[in-house]
Amino acid sequence: MASFLDQVKWNADGLVPVIAQEANSGRVLMLAWANAEALRATAAEGRAVYWSRSRGKLWRKGEDSGNVQKLVDILLDCDNDALCYRVEQLGGIACHTGRESCFFQRLKEEQWHAVEPVLKSPADMYGDS
């Protein structure tokens, strides 16, 4: 019997994009990446786990900030090449900038404008580094 991991169409780097969506509101919180190990860990642990391309390692959302994403559901799209983690965003902050969502910039008159407030400063979440 094939593993659920075998049904995912991983890109050339062994990754698949993952949209994190707040399960109750439906709000898109962020886009990240997963490899097979991250997807397996997400399913096993009941929390969002991603592959950090910048750090080159697994990233358990909230491990530093405390803003954990508790897993509600994992969905695979029709082409088997994108995932959606439906989550409960603990602490109400998904973005490393301290906002609810990473999608806080709106295009208006050919300029990007921040339209969401910072709920908690990054220094308070991560410390002064």
C-alpha atoms as a PDB file:
ATOM      1  CA  MET A   1       0.000   0.000   0.000  1.00  0.00           C
ATOM      2  CA  ALA A   2       1.364   3.407  -0.991  1.00  0.00           C
ATOM      3  CA  SER A   3       2.034   6.007   1.672  1.00  0.00           C
ATOM      4  CA  PHE A   4       0.059   9.246   1.666  1.00  0.00           C
ATOM      5  CA  LEU A   5       3.437  10.904   1.084  1.00  0.00           C
ATOM      6  CA  ASP A   6       3.800   9.101  -2.254  1.00  0.00           C
ATOM      7  CA  GLN A   7       0.673  10.789  -3.594  1.00  0.00           C
ATOM      8  CA  VAL A   8       2.116  14.289  -3.170  1.00  0.00           C
ATOM      9  CA  LYS A   9       3.841  15.762  -6.235  1.00  0.00           C
ATOM     10  CA  TRP A  10       6.984  17.195  -4.680  1.00  0.00           C
ATOM     11  CA  ASN A  11       8.919  19.816  -6.668  1.00  0.00           C
ATOM     12  CA  ALA A  12      12.524  19.318  -7.841  1.00  0.00           C
ATOM     13  CA  ASP A  13      13.749  20.316  -4.366  1.00  0.00           C
ATOM     14  CA  GLY A  14      11.487  17.755  -2.667  1.00  0.00           C
ATOM     15  CA  LEU A  15       9.116  20.458  -1.410  1.00  0.00           C
ATOM     16  CA  VAL A  16       5.450  21.341  -1.733  1.00  0.00           C
ATOM     17  CA  PRO A  17       3.846  24.731  -0.969  1.00  0.00           C
ATOM     18  CA  VAL A  18       1.577  24.851   2.064  1.00  0.00           C
ATOM     19  CA  ILE A  19      -1.114  27.441   2.699  1.00  0.00           C
ATOM     20  CA  ALA A  20      -1.972  27.856   6.379  1.00  0.00           C
ATOM     21  CA  GLN A  21      -5.617  28.811   6.834  1.00  0.00           C
ATOM     22  CA  GLU A  22      -7.374  29.699  10.096  1.00  0.00           C
ATOM     23  CA  ALA A  23      -9.973  26.960  10.426  1.00  0.00           C
ATOM     24  CA  ASN A  24     -12.668  29.075  12.090  1.00  0.00           C
ATOM     25  CA  SER A  25     -12.482  32.268  10.032  1.00  0.00           C
ATOM     26  CA  GLY A  26     -11.125  30.886   6.761  1.00  0.00           C
ATOM     27  CA  ARG A  27      -8.475  33.617   6.721  1.00  0.00           C
ATOM     28  CA  VAL A  28      -5.271  32.806   4.856  1.00  0.00           C
ATOM     29  CA  LEU A  29      -2.471  33.166   7.391  1.00  0.00           C
ATOM     30  CA  MET A  30       0.698  32.330   5.511  1.00  0.00           C
ATOM     31  CA  LEU A  31       2.445  30.362   2.799  1.00  0.00           C
ATOM     32  CA  ALA A  32       5.325  28.069   3.656  1.00  0.00           C
ATOM     33  CA  TRP A  33       6.923  24.870   2.375  1.00  0.00           C
ATOM     34  CA  ALA A  34       6.967  21.257   3.513  1.00  0.00           C
ATOM     35  CA  ASN A  35       9.112  18.286   2.649  1.00  0.00           C
ATOM     36  CA  ALA A  36       8.043  14.703   3.331  1.00  0.00           C
ATOM     37  CA  GLU A  37       9.516  14.778   6.840  1.00  0.00           C
ATOM     38  CA  ALA A  38       7.609  17.974   7.712  1.00  0.00           C
ATOM     39  CA  LEU A  39       4.319  16.597   6.382  1.00  0.00           C
ATOM     40  CA  ARG A  40       4.811  13.331   8.264  1.00  0.00           C
ATOM     41  CA  ALA A  41       5.590  15.276  11.474  1.00  0.00           C
ATOM     42  CA  THR A  42       2.559  17.526  10.994  1.00  0.00           C
ATOM     43  CA  ALA A  43       0.248  14.520  10.680  1.00  0.00           C
ATOM     44  CA  ALA A  44       1.854  12.751  13.654  1.00  0.00           C
ATOM     45  CA  GLU A  45       2.150  15.728  16.030  1.00  0.00           C
ATOM     46  CA  GLY A  46      -1.125  17.539  15.327  1.00  0.00           C
ATOM     47  CA  ARG A  47       0.651  20.862  14.796  1.00  0.00           C
ATOM     48  CA  ALA A  48       2.001  22.658  11.728  1.00  0.00           C
ATOM     49  CA  VAL A  49       5.550  21.700  10.823  1.00  0.00           C
ATOM     50  CA  TYR A  50       7.264  23.212   7.796  1.00  0.00           C
ATOM     51  CA  TRP A  51      10.610  23.060   6.025  1.00  0.00           C
ATOM     52  CA  SER A  52      12.522  26.305   6.508  1.00  0.00           C
ATOM     53  CA  ARG A  53      14.338  27.002   3.257  1.00  0.00           C
ATOM     54  CA  SER A  54      16.384  29.802   4.837  1.00  0.00           C
ATOM     55  CA  ARG A  55      17.513  27.679   7.809  1.00  0.00           C
ATOM     56  CA  GLY A  56      17.655  24.357   5.957  1.00  0.00           C
ATOM     57  CA  LYS A  57      15.786  22.477   8.690  1.00  0.00           C
ATOM     58  CA  LEU A  58      12.362  21.536  10.028  1.00  0.00           C
ATOM     59  CA  TRP A  59      10.445  24.426  11.523  1.00  0.00           C
ATOM     60  CA  ARG A  60       7.726  23.788  14.066  1.00  0.00           C
ATOM     61  CA  LYS A  61       5.590  26.905  13.831  1.00  0.00           C
ATOM     62  CA  GLY A  62       5.686  28.726  17.148  1.00  0.00           C
ATOM     63  CA  GLU A  63       8.778  26.993  18.550  1.00  0.00           C
ATOM     64  CA  ASP A  64      10.407  30.396  19.152  1.00  0.00           C
ATOM     65  CA  SER A  65       7.453  32.812  19.195  1.00  0.00           C
ATOM     66  CA  GLY A  66       4.909  30.641  21.011  1.00  0.00           C
ATOM     67  CA  ASN A  67       2.442  31.196  18.140  1.00  0.00           C
ATOM     68  CA  VAL A  68       1.777  27.503  17.510  1.00  0.00           C
ATOM     69  CA  GLN A  69      -0.546  26.339  14.755  1.00  0.00           C
ATOM     70  CA  LYS A  70      -2.721  23.513  16.121  1.00  0.00           C
ATOM     71  CA  LEU A  71      -3.704  21.257  13.236  1.00  0.00           C
ATOM     72  CA  VAL A  72      -7.382  20.826  12.395  1.00  0.00           C
ATOM     73  CA  ASP A  73      -7.094  19.281   8.920  1.00  0.00           C
ATOM     74  CA  ILE A  74      -4.668  18.678   6.050  1.00  0.00           C
ATOM     75  CA  LEU A  75      -5.967  19.120   2.513  1.00  0.00           C
ATOM     76  CA  LEU A  76      -4.283  18.225  -0.800  1.00  0.00           C
ATOM     77  CA  ASP A  77      -5.280  20.089  -3.973  1.00  0.00           C
ATOM     78  CA  CYS A  78      -6.609  18.512  -7.177  1.00  0.00           C
ATOM     79  CA  ASP A  79      -3.163  18.405  -8.844  1.00  0.00           C
ATOM     80  CA  ASN A  80      -1.573  16.887  -5.719  1.00  0.00           C
ATOM     81  CA  ASP A  81       1.044  19.674  -5.727  1.00  0.00           C
ATOM     82  CA  ALA A  82      -0.143  22.027  -2.966  1.00  0.00           C
ATOM     83  CA  LEU A  83      -1.302  21.540   0.613  1.00  0.00           C
ATOM     84  CA  CYS A  84      -3.558  23.486   2.916  1.00  0.00           C
ATOM     85  CA  TYR A  85      -3.126  23.154   6.651  1.00  0.00           C
ATOM     86  CA  ARG A  86      -6.349  24.218   8.335  1.00  0.00           C
ATOM     87  CA  VAL A  87      -5.190  25.336  11.774  1.00  0.00           C
ATOM     88  CA  GLU A  88      -6.155  26.988  15.008  1.00  0.00           C
ATOM     89  CA  GLN A  89      -3.641  29.826  15.325  1.00  0.00           C
ATOM     90  CA  LEU A  90      -2.767  29.964  19.017  1.00  0.00           C
ATOM     91  CA  GLY A  91      -2.067  33.497  20.183  1.00  0.00           C
ATOM     92  CA  GLY A  92      -3.768  34.955  17.085  1.00  0.00           C
ATOM     93  CA  ILE A  93      -0.455  35.803  15.391  1.00  0.00           C
ATOM     94  CA  ALA A  94       0.907  33.897  12.389  1.00  0.00           C
ATOM     95  CA  CYS A  95       3.400  36.416  10.985  1.00  0.00           C
ATOM     96  CA  HIS A  96       6.935  36.976  12.272  1.00  0.00           C
ATOM     97  CA  THR A  97       6.172  40.723  12.019  1.00  0.00           C
ATOM     98  CA  GLY A  98       3.631  40.321  14.844  1.00  0.00           C
ATOM     99  CA  ARG A  99       0.531  40.477  12.652  1.00  0.00           C
ATOM    100  CA  GLU A 100      -2.383  38.047  12.436  1.00  0.00           C
ATOM    101  CA  SER A 101      -1.539  37.101   8.842  1.00  0.00           C
ATOM    102  CA  CYS A 102       1.546  37.297   6.649  1.00  0.00           C
ATOM    103  CA  PHE A 103      -0.748  38.741   3.960  1.00  0.00           C
ATOM    104  CA  PHE A 104      -1.019  42.249   5.420  1.00  0.00           C
ATOM    105  CA  GLN A 105       0.090  44.379   2.458  1.00  0.00           C
ATOM    106  CA  ARG A 106      -2.503  45.631  -0.028  1.00  0.00           C
ATOM    107  CA  LEU A 107      -1.757  47.007  -3.492  1.00  0.00           C
ATOM    108  CA  LYS A 108      -3.261  50.460  -3.965  1.00  0.00           C
ATOM    109  CA  GLU A 109      -2.274  52.890  -6.685  1.00  0.00           C
ATOM    110  CA  GLU A 110       0.749  50.763  -7.610  1.00  0.00           C
ATOM    111  CA  GLN A 111       2.137  50.848  -4.053  1.00  0.00           C
ATOM    112  CA  TRP A 112       2.062  48.245  -1.288  1.00  0.00           C
ATOM    113  CA  HIS A 113       0.478  49.462   1.943  1.00  0.00           C
ATOM    114  CA  ALA A 114       0.494  47.685   5.318  1.00  0.00           C
ATOM    115  CA  VAL A 115      -3.182  47.424   6.257  1.00  0.00           C
ATOM    116  CA  GLU A 116      -2.983  45.194   9.341  1.00  0.00           C
ATOM    117  CA  PRO A 117      -1.795  46.294  12.789  1.00  0.00           C
ATOM    118  CA  VAL A 118       1.165  44.773  14.611  1.00  0.00           C
ATOM    119  CA  LEU A 119      -0.371  42.867  17.522  1.00  0.00           C
ATOM    120  CA  LYS A 120       2.933  42.048  19.238  1.00  0.00           C
ATOM    121  CA  SER A 121       6.380  43.365  18.440  1.00  0.00           C
ATOM    122  CA  PRO A 122       8.878  40.909  16.984  1.00  0.00           C
ATOM    123  CA  ALA A 123      11.304  41.872  19.783  1.00  0.00           C
ATOM    124  CA  ASP A 124       8.726  40.717  22.343  1.00  0.00           C
ATOM    125  CA  MET A 125       8.201  37.446  20.475  1.00  0.00           C
ATOM    126  CA  TYR A 126      11.804  36.605  19.626  1.00  0.00           C
ATOM    127  CA  GLY A 127      13.868  38.751  21.956  1.00  0.00           C
ATOM    128  CA  ASP A 128      16.387  41.393  20.952  1.00  0.00           C
ATOM    129  CA  SER A 129      18.756  39.626  18.612  1.00  0.00           C
END
